[in-house]
Amino acid sequence: MGYFDHQVRPQFSELLTTTHKHYVIDFADASAIDSAALGMLLMLKERADDQHASLSLHNASGKILRVFEISNFDKIFQLTSDS
């Protein structure tokens, strides 16, 4: 399992320079998330809103889902799952 943390910043920076109709961030292989990654998700949400695009956080479970619930991300973002 991997960490969704500041190390994904290069991929996020690249993503923020593109335009899409739908953004999906898949957490299937992630076991933890840090505050830097939460900030990056908020930046992506702003970008998606500016583009009138959808954004979903997919397959968040365990500790990550708990962090989303505590930080009210479950109310800000669409959370989806394969199950």
PDB file of N, CA and C in Angstrom:
ATOM      1  N   MET A   1       0.839  -1.185   0.000  1.00  0.00           N
ATOM      2  CA  MET A   1       0.000   0.000   0.000  1.00  0.00           C
ATOM      3  C   MET A   1       0.877   1.239   0.000  1.00  0.00           C
ATOM      4  N   GLY A   2       0.425   2.258  -0.659  1.00  0.00           N
ATOM      5  CA  GLY A   2       1.201   3.475  -0.762  1.00  0.00           C
ATOM      6  C   GLY A   2       0.604   4.622   0.027  1.00  0.00           C
ATOM      7  N   TYR A   3       1.371   5.656   0.066  1.00  0.00           N
ATOM      8  CA  TYR A   3       0.947   6.870   0.750  1.00  0.00           C
ATOM      9  C   TYR A   3       0.556   7.918  -0.274  1.00  0.00           C
ATOM     10  N   PHE A   4      -0.548   8.577  -0.021  1.00  0.00           N
ATOM     11  CA  PHE A   4      -0.982   9.684  -0.848  1.00  0.00           C
ATOM     12  C   PHE A   4      -0.536  10.936  -0.107  1.00  0.00           C
ATOM     13  N   ASP A   5       0.657  11.419  -0.465  1.00  0.00           N
ATOM     14  CA  ASP A   5       1.259  12.508   0.296  1.00  0.00           C
ATOM     15  C   ASP A   5       1.962  13.489  -0.622  1.00  0.00           C
ATOM     16  N   HIS A   6       2.824  14.321  -0.062  1.00  0.00           N
ATOM     17  CA  HIS A   6       3.508  15.374  -0.814  1.00  0.00           C
ATOM     18  C   HIS A   6       4.299  14.845  -2.013  1.00  0.00           C
ATOM     19  N   GLN A   7       4.610  13.562  -2.016  1.00  0.00           N
ATOM     20  CA  GLN A   7       5.379  12.989  -3.124  1.00  0.00           C
ATOM     21  C   GLN A   7       4.581  12.918  -4.427  1.00  0.00           C
ATOM     22  N   VAL A   8       3.255  13.039  -4.354  1.00  0.00           N
ATOM     23  CA  VAL A   8       2.441  13.026  -5.575  1.00  0.00           C
ATOM     24  C   VAL A   8       2.292  14.431  -6.169  1.00  0.00           C
ATOM     25  N   ARG A   9       2.927  15.401  -5.541  1.00  0.00           N
ATOM     26  CA  ARG A   9       2.807  16.791  -6.009  1.00  0.00           C
ATOM     27  C   ARG A   9       3.174  16.967  -7.490  1.00  0.00           C
ATOM     28  N   PRO A  10       4.229  16.337  -8.001  1.00  0.00           N
ATOM     29  CA  PRO A  10       4.529  16.508  -9.432  1.00  0.00           C
ATOM     30  C   PRO A  10       3.375  16.068 -10.341  1.00  0.00           C
ATOM     31  N   GLN A  11       2.738  14.951 -10.028  1.00  0.00           N
ATOM     32  CA  GLN A  11       1.603  14.491 -10.832  1.00  0.00           C
ATOM     33  C   GLN A  11       0.430  15.461 -10.710  1.00  0.00           C
ATOM     34  N   PHE A  12       0.211  15.978  -9.512  1.00  0.00           N
ATOM     35  CA  PHE A  12      -0.875  16.929  -9.317  1.00  0.00           C
ATOM     36  C   PHE A  12      -0.597  18.232 -10.048  1.00  0.00           C
ATOM     37  N   SER A  13       0.630  18.696 -10.001  1.00  0.00           N
ATOM     38  CA  SER A  13       0.979  19.934 -10.708  1.00  0.00           C
ATOM     39  C   SER A  13       0.688  19.790 -12.196  1.00  0.00           C
ATOM     40  N   GLU A  14       1.021  18.646 -12.740  1.00  0.00           N
ATOM     41  CA  GLU A  14       0.745  18.382 -14.153  1.00  0.00           C
ATOM     42  C   GLU A  14      -0.754  18.324 -14.407  1.00  0.00           C
ATOM     43  N   LEU A  15      -1.476  17.676 -13.521  1.00  0.00           N
ATOM     44  CA  LEU A  15      -2.925  17.557 -13.660  1.00  0.00           C
ATOM     45  C   LEU A  15      -3.606  18.926 -13.632  1.00  0.00           C
ATOM     46  N   LEU A  16      -3.081  19.832 -12.817  1.00  0.00           N
ATOM     47  CA  LEU A  16      -3.677  21.167 -12.707  1.00  0.00           C
ATOM     48  C   LEU A  16      -3.477  22.019 -13.957  1.00  0.00           C
ATOM     49  N   THR A  17      -2.617  21.592 -14.857  1.00  0.00           N
ATOM     50  CA  THR A  17      -2.393  22.346 -16.094  1.00  0.00           C
ATOM     51  C   THR A  17      -3.228  21.798 -17.252  1.00  0.00           C
ATOM     52  N   THR A  18      -4.029  20.787 -16.994  1.00  0.00           N
ATOM     53  CA  THR A  18      -4.835  20.169 -18.048  1.00  0.00           C
ATOM     54  C   THR A  18      -6.312  20.494 -17.841  1.00  0.00           C
ATOM     55  N   THR A  19      -7.092  20.218 -18.865  1.00  0.00           N
ATOM     56  CA  THR A  19      -8.535  20.431 -18.796  1.00  0.00           C
ATOM     57  C   THR A  19      -9.235  19.108 -19.063  1.00  0.00           C
ATOM     58  N   HIS A  20     -10.152  18.771 -18.184  1.00  0.00           N
ATOM     59  CA  HIS A  20     -10.925  17.533 -18.317  1.00  0.00           C
ATOM     60  C   HIS A  20     -12.380  17.804 -17.962  1.00  0.00           C
ATOM     61  N   LYS A  21     -13.254  16.934 -18.396  1.00  0.00           N
ATOM     62  CA  LYS A  21     -14.664  17.009 -18.002  1.00  0.00           C
ATOM     63  C   LYS A  21     -14.900  16.257 -16.704  1.00  0.00           C
ATOM     64  N   HIS A  22     -14.060  15.243 -16.459  1.00  0.00           N
ATOM     65  CA  HIS A  22     -14.208  14.412 -15.269  1.00  0.00           C
ATOM     66  C   HIS A  22     -12.824  14.136 -14.682  1.00  0.00           C
ATOM     67  N   TYR A  23     -12.720  14.299 -13.390  1.00  0.00           N
ATOM     68  CA  TYR A  23     -11.500  13.942 -12.675  1.00  0.00           C
ATOM     69  C   TYR A  23     -11.866  12.833 -11.692  1.00  0.00           C
ATOM     70  N   VAL A  24     -11.065  11.785 -11.670  1.00  0.00           N
ATOM     71  CA  VAL A  24     -11.259  10.691 -10.725  1.00  0.00           C
ATOM     72  C   VAL A  24      -9.907  10.408 -10.083  1.00  0.00           C
ATOM     73  N   ILE A  25      -9.854  10.512  -8.769  1.00  0.00           N
ATOM     74  CA  ILE A  25      -8.643  10.178  -8.026  1.00  0.00           C
ATOM     75  C   ILE A  25      -8.933   8.857  -7.320  1.00  0.00           C
ATOM     76  N   ASP A  26      -8.204   7.816  -7.680  1.00  0.00           N
ATOM     77  CA  ASP A  26      -8.438   6.468  -7.163  1.00  0.00           C
ATOM     78  C   ASP A  26      -7.503   6.184  -5.995  1.00  0.00           C
ATOM     79  N   PHE A  27      -8.084   5.859  -4.864  1.00  0.00           N
ATOM     80  CA  PHE A  27      -7.339   5.583  -3.642  1.00  0.00           C
ATOM     81  C   PHE A  27      -7.217   4.086  -3.358  1.00  0.00           C
ATOM     82  N   ALA A  28      -7.482   3.243  -4.350  1.00  0.00           N
ATOM     83  CA  ALA A  28      -7.467   1.793  -4.143  1.00  0.00           C
ATOM     84  C   ALA A  28      -6.136   1.292  -3.595  1.00  0.00           C
ATOM     85  N   ASP A  29      -5.038   1.874  -4.033  1.00  0.00           N
ATOM     86  CA  ASP A  29      -3.718   1.414  -3.591  1.00  0.00           C
ATOM     87  C   ASP A  29      -3.111   2.286  -2.503  1.00  0.00           C
ATOM     88  N   ALA A  30      -3.884   3.197  -1.957  1.00  0.00           N
ATOM     89  CA  ALA A  30      -3.361   4.105  -0.925  1.00  0.00           C
ATOM     90  C   ALA A  30      -3.799   3.647   0.466  1.00  0.00           C
ATOM     91  N   SER A  31      -2.894   3.761   1.412  1.00  0.00           N
ATOM     92  CA  SER A  31      -3.206   3.365   2.783  1.00  0.00           C
ATOM     93  C   SER A  31      -3.193   4.539   3.753  1.00  0.00           C
ATOM     94  N   ALA A  32      -2.661   5.687   3.322  1.00  0.00           N
ATOM     95  CA  ALA A  32      -2.593   6.867   4.190  1.00  0.00           C
ATOM     96  C   ALA A  32      -2.566   8.121   3.331  1.00  0.00           C
ATOM     97  N   ILE A  33      -2.927   9.238   3.954  1.00  0.00           N
ATOM     98  CA  ILE A  33      -2.938  10.530   3.269  1.00  0.00           C
ATOM     99  C   ILE A  33      -2.437  11.581   4.251  1.00  0.00           C
ATOM    100  N   ASP A  34      -1.721  12.582   3.757  1.00  0.00           N
ATOM    101  CA  ASP A  34      -1.244  13.636   4.655  1.00  0.00           C
ATOM    102  C   ASP A  34      -1.917  14.966   4.325  1.00  0.00           C
ATOM    103  N   SER A  35      -1.639  15.975   5.134  1.00  0.00           N
ATOM    104  CA  SER A  35      -2.291  17.271   4.975  1.00  0.00           C
ATOM    105  C   SER A  35      -1.910  17.947   3.661  1.00  0.00           C
ATOM    106  N   ALA A  36      -0.698  17.727   3.174  1.00  0.00           N
ATOM    107  CA  ALA A  36      -0.299  18.299   1.885  1.00  0.00           C
ATOM    108  C   ALA A  36      -1.186  17.749   0.772  1.00  0.00           C
ATOM    109  N   ALA A  37      -1.478  16.467   0.814  1.00  0.00           N
ATOM    110  CA  ALA A  37      -2.337  15.851  -0.203  1.00  0.00           C
ATOM    111  C   ALA A  37      -3.771  16.365  -0.086  1.00  0.00           C
ATOM    112  N   LEU A  38      -4.233  16.611   1.133  1.00  0.00           N
ATOM    113  CA  LEU A  38      -5.568  17.185   1.305  1.00  0.00           C
ATOM    114  C   LEU A  38      -5.630  18.560   0.642  1.00  0.00           C
ATOM    115  N   GLY A  39      -4.586  19.342   0.822  1.00  0.00           N
ATOM    116  CA  GLY A  39      -4.516  20.649   0.180  1.00  0.00           C
ATOM    117  C   GLY A  39      -4.514  20.538  -1.328  1.00  0.00           C
ATOM    118  N   MET A  40      -3.799  19.565  -1.859  1.00  0.00           N
ATOM    119  CA  MET A  40      -3.770  19.363  -3.307  1.00  0.00           C
ATOM    120  C   MET A  40      -5.151  18.987  -3.832  1.00  0.00           C
ATOM    121  N   LEU A  41      -5.874  18.164  -3.069  1.00  0.00           N
ATOM    122  CA  LEU A  41      -7.231  17.806  -3.480  1.00  0.00           C
ATOM    123  C   LEU A  41      -8.139  19.032  -3.512  1.00  0.00           C
ATOM    124  N   LEU A  42      -7.972  19.930  -2.547  1.00  0.00           N
ATOM    125  CA  LEU A  42      -8.771  21.156  -2.541  1.00  0.00           C
ATOM    126  C   LEU A  42      -8.437  22.036  -3.752  1.00  0.00           C
ATOM    127  N   MET A  43      -7.160  22.090  -4.116  1.00  0.00           N
ATOM    128  CA  MET A  43      -6.763  22.853  -5.307  1.00  0.00           C
ATOM    129  C   MET A  43      -7.378  22.236  -6.562  1.00  0.00           C
ATOM    130  N   LEU A  44      -7.382  20.910  -6.640  1.00  0.00           N
ATOM    131  CA  LEU A  44      -7.968  20.240  -7.793  1.00  0.00           C
ATOM    132  C   LEU A  44      -9.481  20.472  -7.832  1.00  0.00           C
ATOM    133  N   LYS A  45     -10.115  20.487  -6.678  1.00  0.00           N
ATOM    134  CA  LYS A  45     -11.562  20.757  -6.607  1.00  0.00           C
ATOM    135  C   LYS A  45     -11.854  22.145  -7.155  1.00  0.00           C
ATOM    136  N   GLU A  46     -11.052  23.113  -6.773  1.00  0.00           N
ATOM    137  CA  GLU A  46     -11.226  24.470  -7.280  1.00  0.00           C
ATOM    138  C   GLU A  46     -11.055  24.507  -8.799  1.00  0.00           C
ATOM    139  N   ARG A  47     -10.042  23.812  -9.292  1.00  0.00           N
ATOM    140  CA  ARG A  47      -9.781  23.747 -10.738  1.00  0.00           C
ATOM    141  C   ARG A  47     -10.963  23.101 -11.457  1.00  0.00           C
ATOM    142  N   ALA A  48     -11.462  22.000 -10.926  1.00  0.00           N
ATOM    143  CA  ALA A  48     -12.601  21.308 -11.537  1.00  0.00           C
ATOM    144  C   ALA A  48     -13.833  22.209 -11.532  1.00  0.00           C
ATOM    145  N   ASP A  49     -14.078  22.888 -10.421  1.00  0.00           N
ATOM    146  CA  ASP A  49     -15.230  23.787 -10.352  1.00  0.00           C
ATOM    147  C   ASP A  49     -15.109  24.897 -11.392  1.00  0.00           C
ATOM    148  N   ASP A  50     -13.909  25.460 -11.556  1.00  0.00           N
ATOM    149  CA  ASP A  50     -13.692  26.510 -12.552  1.00  0.00           C
ATOM    150  C   ASP A  50     -13.979  26.006 -13.962  1.00  0.00           C
ATOM    151  N   GLN A  51     -13.738  24.724 -14.208  1.00  0.00           N
ATOM    152  CA  GLN A  51     -13.951  24.121 -15.530  1.00  0.00           C
ATOM    153  C   GLN A  51     -15.359  23.529 -15.671  1.00  0.00           C
ATOM    154  N   HIS A  52     -16.161  23.630 -14.609  1.00  0.00           N
ATOM    155  CA  HIS A  52     -17.483  22.994 -14.583  1.00  0.00           C
ATOM    156  C   HIS A  52     -17.340  21.491 -14.838  1.00  0.00           C
ATOM    157  N   ALA A  53     -16.304  20.916 -14.248  1.00  0.00           N
ATOM    158  CA  ALA A  53     -16.011  19.488 -14.396  1.00  0.00           C
ATOM    159  C   ALA A  53     -16.390  18.761 -13.110  1.00  0.00           C
ATOM    160  N   SER A  54     -16.594  17.467 -13.236  1.00  0.00           N
ATOM    161  CA  SER A  54     -16.868  16.658 -12.046  1.00  0.00           C
ATOM    162  C   SER A  54     -15.556  16.142 -11.466  1.00  0.00           C
ATOM    163  N   LEU A  55     -15.580  15.882 -10.177  1.00  0.00           N
ATOM    164  CA  LEU A  55     -14.415  15.343  -9.477  1.00  0.00           C
ATOM    165  C   LEU A  55     -14.908  14.335  -8.463  1.00  0.00           C
ATOM    166  N   SER A  56     -14.379  13.134  -8.520  1.00  0.00           N
ATOM    167  CA  SER A  56     -14.741  12.139  -7.513  1.00  0.00           C
ATOM    168  C   SER A  56     -13.492  11.513  -6.919  1.00  0.00           C
ATOM    169  N   LEU A  57     -13.601  11.201  -5.650  1.00  0.00           N
ATOM    170  CA  LEU A  57     -12.548  10.490  -4.924  1.00  0.00           C
ATOM    171  C   LEU A  57     -13.024   9.055  -4.830  1.00  0.00           C
ATOM    172  N   HIS A  58     -12.299   8.170  -5.463  1.00  0.00           N
ATOM    173  CA  HIS A  58     -12.754   6.801  -5.696  1.00  0.00           C
ATOM    174  C   HIS A  58     -12.016   5.813  -4.796  1.00  0.00           C
ATOM    175  N   ASN A  59     -12.768   4.857  -4.255  1.00  0.00           N
ATOM    176  CA  ASN A  59     -12.225   3.740  -3.470  1.00  0.00           C
ATOM    177  C   ASN A  59     -11.479   4.163  -2.202  1.00  0.00           C
ATOM    178  N   ALA A  60     -11.889   5.258  -1.587  1.00  0.00           N
ATOM    179  CA  ALA A  60     -11.299   5.643  -0.296  1.00  0.00           C
ATOM    180  C   ALA A  60     -11.881   4.731   0.782  1.00  0.00           C
ATOM    181  N   SER A  61     -11.012   4.165   1.592  1.00  0.00           N
ATOM    182  CA  SER A  61     -11.480   3.292   2.666  1.00  0.00           C
ATOM    183  C   SER A  61     -10.522   3.394   3.849  1.00  0.00           C
ATOM    184  N   GLY A  62     -10.876   2.740   4.928  1.00  0.00           N
ATOM    185  CA  GLY A  62     -10.015   2.685   6.095  1.00  0.00           C
ATOM    186  C   GLY A  62      -9.642   4.056   6.635  1.00  0.00           C
ATOM    187  N   LYS A  63      -8.350   4.228   6.881  1.00  0.00           N
ATOM    188  CA  LYS A  63      -7.854   5.482   7.454  1.00  0.00           C
ATOM    189  C   LYS A  63      -8.133   6.679   6.559  1.00  0.00           C
ATOM    190  N   ILE A  64      -8.016   6.490   5.259  1.00  0.00           N
ATOM    191  CA  ILE A  64      -8.241   7.609   4.344  1.00  0.00           C
ATOM    192  C   ILE A  64      -9.699   8.059   4.397  1.00  0.00           C
ATOM    193  N   LEU A  65     -10.608   7.126   4.378  1.00  0.00           N
ATOM    194  CA  LEU A  65     -12.022   7.478   4.468  1.00  0.00           C
ATOM    195  C   LEU A  65     -12.294   8.191   5.793  1.00  0.00           C
ATOM    196  N   ARG A  66     -11.687   7.731   6.856  1.00  0.00           N
ATOM    197  CA  ARG A  66     -11.871   8.366   8.172  1.00  0.00           C
ATOM    198  C   ARG A  66     -11.345   9.804   8.153  1.00  0.00           C
ATOM    199  N   VAL A  67     -10.194  10.045   7.536  1.00  0.00           N
ATOM    200  CA  VAL A  67      -9.661  11.403   7.408  1.00  0.00           C
ATOM    201  C   VAL A  67     -10.639  12.269   6.608  1.00  0.00           C
ATOM    202  N   PHE A  68     -11.192  11.730   5.530  1.00  0.00           N
ATOM    203  CA  PHE A  68     -12.159  12.482   4.731  1.00  0.00           C
ATOM    204  C   PHE A  68     -13.387  12.843   5.563  1.00  0.00           C
ATOM    205  N   GLU A  69     -13.852  11.923   6.379  1.00  0.00           N
ATOM    206  CA  GLU A  69     -15.018  12.192   7.212  1.00  0.00           C
ATOM    207  C   GLU A  69     -14.711  13.246   8.277  1.00  0.00           C
ATOM    208  N   ILE A  70     -13.572  13.130   8.928  1.00  0.00           N
ATOM    209  CA  ILE A  70     -13.193  14.086   9.976  1.00  0.00           C
ATOM    210  C   ILE A  70     -13.018  15.491   9.395  1.00  0.00           C
ATOM    211  N   SER A  71     -12.458  15.580   8.203  1.00  0.00           N
ATOM    212  CA  SER A  71     -12.197  16.881   7.575  1.00  0.00           C
ATOM    213  C   SER A  71     -13.374  17.379   6.733  1.00  0.00           C
ATOM    214  N   ASN A  72     -14.488  16.650   6.770  1.00  0.00           N
ATOM    215  CA  ASN A  72     -15.699  16.981   6.007  1.00  0.00           C
ATOM    216  C   ASN A  72     -15.504  16.920   4.495  1.00  0.00           C
ATOM    217  N   PHE A  73     -14.470  16.235   4.045  1.00  0.00           N
ATOM    218  CA  PHE A  73     -14.293  16.058   2.601  1.00  0.00           C
ATOM    219  C   PHE A  73     -15.435  15.231   2.023  1.00  0.00           C
ATOM    220  N   ASP A  74     -16.056  14.394   2.833  1.00  0.00           N
ATOM    221  CA  ASP A  74     -17.181  13.598   2.356  1.00  0.00           C
ATOM    222  C   ASP A  74     -18.381  14.479   2.023  1.00  0.00           C
ATOM    223  N   LYS A  75     -18.374  15.723   2.496  1.00  0.00           N
ATOM    224  CA  LYS A  75     -19.440  16.664   2.181  1.00  0.00           C
ATOM    225  C   LYS A  75     -19.047  17.592   1.022  1.00  0.00           C
ATOM    226  N   ILE A  76     -17.753  17.742   0.784  1.00  0.00           N
ATOM    227  CA  ILE A  76     -17.241  18.628  -0.258  1.00  0.00           C
ATOM    228  C   ILE A  76     -17.065  17.880  -1.577  1.00  0.00           C
ATOM    229  N   PHE A  77     -16.625  16.629  -1.482  1.00  0.00           N
ATOM    230  CA  PHE A  77     -16.299  15.824  -2.661  1.00  0.00           C
ATOM    231  C   PHE A  77     -17.310  14.702  -2.838  1.00  0.00           C
ATOM    232  N   GLN A  78     -17.422  14.250  -4.077  1.00  0.00           N
ATOM    233  CA  GLN A  78     -18.203  13.056  -4.356  1.00  0.00           C
ATOM    234  C   GLN A  78     -17.292  11.858  -4.081  1.00  0.00           C
ATOM    235  N   LEU A  79     -17.714  10.968  -3.185  1.00  0.00           N
ATOM    236  CA  LEU A  79     -16.952   9.758  -2.886  1.00  0.00           C
ATOM    237  C   LEU A  79     -17.647   8.595  -3.582  1.00  0.00           C
ATOM    238  N   THR A  80     -16.874   7.840  -4.347  1.00  0.00           N
ATOM    239  CA  THR A  80     -17.399   6.705  -5.088  1.00  0.00           C
ATOM    240  C   THR A  80     -16.590   5.456  -4.747  1.00  0.00           C
ATOM    241  N   SER A  81     -17.150   4.312  -5.090  1.00  0.00           N
ATOM    242  CA  SER A  81     -16.490   3.056  -4.765  1.00  0.00           C
ATOM    243  C   SER A  81     -16.890   1.982  -5.767  1.00  0.00           C
ATOM    244  N   ASP A  82     -16.006   1.008  -5.936  1.00  0.00           N
ATOM    245  CA  ASP A  82     -16.318  -0.137  -6.802  1.00  0.00           C
ATOM    246  C   ASP A  82     -17.358  -1.056  -6.170  1.00  0.00           C
ATOM    247  N   SER A  83     -17.422  -1.050  -4.857  1.00  0.00           N
ATOM    248  CA  SER A  83     -18.337  -1.991  -4.178  1.00  0.00           C
ATOM    249  C   SER A  83     -19.738  -1.474  -4.031  1.00  0.00           C
TER     250      SER A  83
END
